[in-house]
Amino acid sequence: MSTWNDFKVFAFKGNVVDLAVALVIGAAFTKIVTTLSDAVIMPLFSKLVPTGSYVTWAPGGIKLGLLIGAIIEFLVIAFALFLVVTWLKRRRLLT
């Protein structure tokens, strides 16, 4: 079998197509989480920091506010993925 045929067999397997769909959905979900973090969570956090803005909060020159925002985004995505994987395992759709 030629390389091209091998590639077609690989690329159009269900797993690869599923992975591509998951990647696109993940990118869209990341945008939702970023907006949630930037528009809802971090403005609330800004009320707690001394400067009144998490973006400009930089004790010692380190932009801790931006780091905290990125960590919150990661935690929201990780928790959502945890819920999806748990649901799939309960439904026995994932081994």
Protein backbone atom coordinates (compact mmCIF):
# COMPACT_ATOMS: atom_id res chain seq x y z
CA MET A 1 0.00 0.00 0.00
CA SER A 2 1.30 3.44 -0.86
CA THR A 3 1.99 6.17 1.64
CA TRP A 4 -0.97 8.17 0.34
CA ASN A 5 -3.35 5.25 0.88
CA ASP A 6 -1.92 4.66 4.35
CA PHE A 7 -2.49 8.32 5.14
CA LYS A 8 -6.10 8.22 3.90
CA VAL A 9 -6.84 5.18 6.04
CA PHE A 10 -5.31 6.91 9.06
CA ALA A 11 -6.82 10.37 8.48
CA PHE A 12 -10.37 9.21 7.97
CA LYS A 13 -10.57 6.78 10.86
CA GLY A 14 -13.23 7.72 13.35
CA ASN A 15 -10.67 8.57 16.03
CA VAL A 16 -8.92 11.20 13.92
CA VAL A 17 -12.17 12.83 12.83
CA ASP A 18 -13.40 12.80 16.45
CA LEU A 19 -10.15 14.42 17.52
CA ALA A 20 -10.54 17.16 14.91
CA VAL A 21 -14.09 17.88 16.06
CA ALA A 22 -12.97 17.94 19.69
CA LEU A 23 -10.19 20.37 18.83
CA VAL A 24 -12.61 22.80 17.18
CA ILE A 25 -15.11 22.54 20.03
CA GLY A 26 -12.30 22.97 22.55
CA ALA A 27 -11.15 26.16 20.83
CA ALA A 28 -14.68 27.54 20.91
CA PHE A 29 -15.08 26.55 24.57
CA THR A 30 -11.79 28.25 25.40
CA LYS A 31 -13.18 31.50 23.97
CA ILE A 32 -16.27 31.18 26.18
CA VAL A 33 -14.14 30.55 29.27
CA THR A 34 -11.84 33.47 28.41
CA THR A 35 -14.83 35.78 28.08
CA LEU A 36 -16.33 34.47 31.33
CA SER A 37 -13.03 35.06 33.08
CA ASP A 38 -12.39 38.51 31.58
CA ALA A 39 -15.96 39.84 31.81
CA VAL A 40 -17.30 38.25 35.00
CA ILE A 41 -14.74 36.63 37.31
CA MET A 42 -11.80 39.00 37.01
CA PRO A 43 -13.84 42.22 37.46
CA LEU A 44 -15.05 40.74 40.74
CA PHE A 45 -11.44 39.88 41.61
CA SER A 46 -10.42 43.46 40.75
CA LYS A 47 -12.51 44.67 43.69
CA LEU A 48 -10.23 42.68 46.00
CA VAL A 49 -6.83 43.91 44.78
CA PRO A 50 -5.31 47.14 46.11
CA THR A 51 -5.00 48.85 42.70
CA GLY A 52 -8.64 48.24 41.79
CA SER A 53 -7.65 46.45 38.59
CA TYR A 54 -6.23 42.96 38.27
CA VAL A 55 -4.44 43.98 35.05
CA THR A 56 -2.36 46.67 36.72
CA TRP A 57 -1.81 44.76 39.96
CA ALA A 58 1.91 44.04 39.81
CA PRO A 59 3.58 43.80 43.19
CA GLY A 60 7.32 43.68 42.66
CA GLY A 61 6.88 44.15 38.90
CA ILE A 62 5.30 40.72 38.45
CA LYS A 63 1.88 40.88 36.80
CA LEU A 64 0.16 38.59 39.25
CA GLY A 65 -3.31 39.62 38.11
CA LEU A 66 -2.75 38.30 34.59
CA LEU A 67 -1.28 35.09 35.98
CA ILE A 68 -4.25 34.60 38.30
CA GLY A 69 -6.60 35.20 35.35
CA ALA A 70 -4.83 32.53 33.29
CA ILE A 71 -4.93 30.10 36.22
CA ILE A 72 -8.67 30.68 36.67
CA GLU A 73 -9.25 30.04 32.96
CA PHE A 74 -7.25 26.81 33.18
CA LEU A 75 -9.17 25.63 36.25
CA VAL A 76 -12.55 26.29 34.61
CA ILE A 77 -11.53 24.36 31.48
CA ALA A 78 -10.01 21.52 33.52
CA PHE A 79 -13.15 21.24 35.67
CA ALA A 80 -15.42 21.23 32.62
CA LEU A 81 -13.32 18.49 31.02
CA PHE A 82 -13.44 16.54 34.27
CA LEU A 83 -17.24 16.74 34.25
CA VAL A 84 -17.43 15.59 30.61
CA VAL A 85 -15.04 12.66 31.16
CA THR A 86 -16.89 11.64 34.33
CA TRP A 87 -20.21 11.77 32.49
CA LEU A 88 -18.83 9.70 29.61
CA LYS A 89 -17.45 7.10 32.02
CA ARG A 90 -20.80 6.82 33.80
CA ARG A 91 -22.54 6.37 30.48
CA ARG A 92 -19.88 3.76 29.63
CA LEU A 93 -18.98 5.67 26.47
CA LEU A 94 -15.38 5.97 27.59
CA THR A 95 -13.20 3.19 28.96
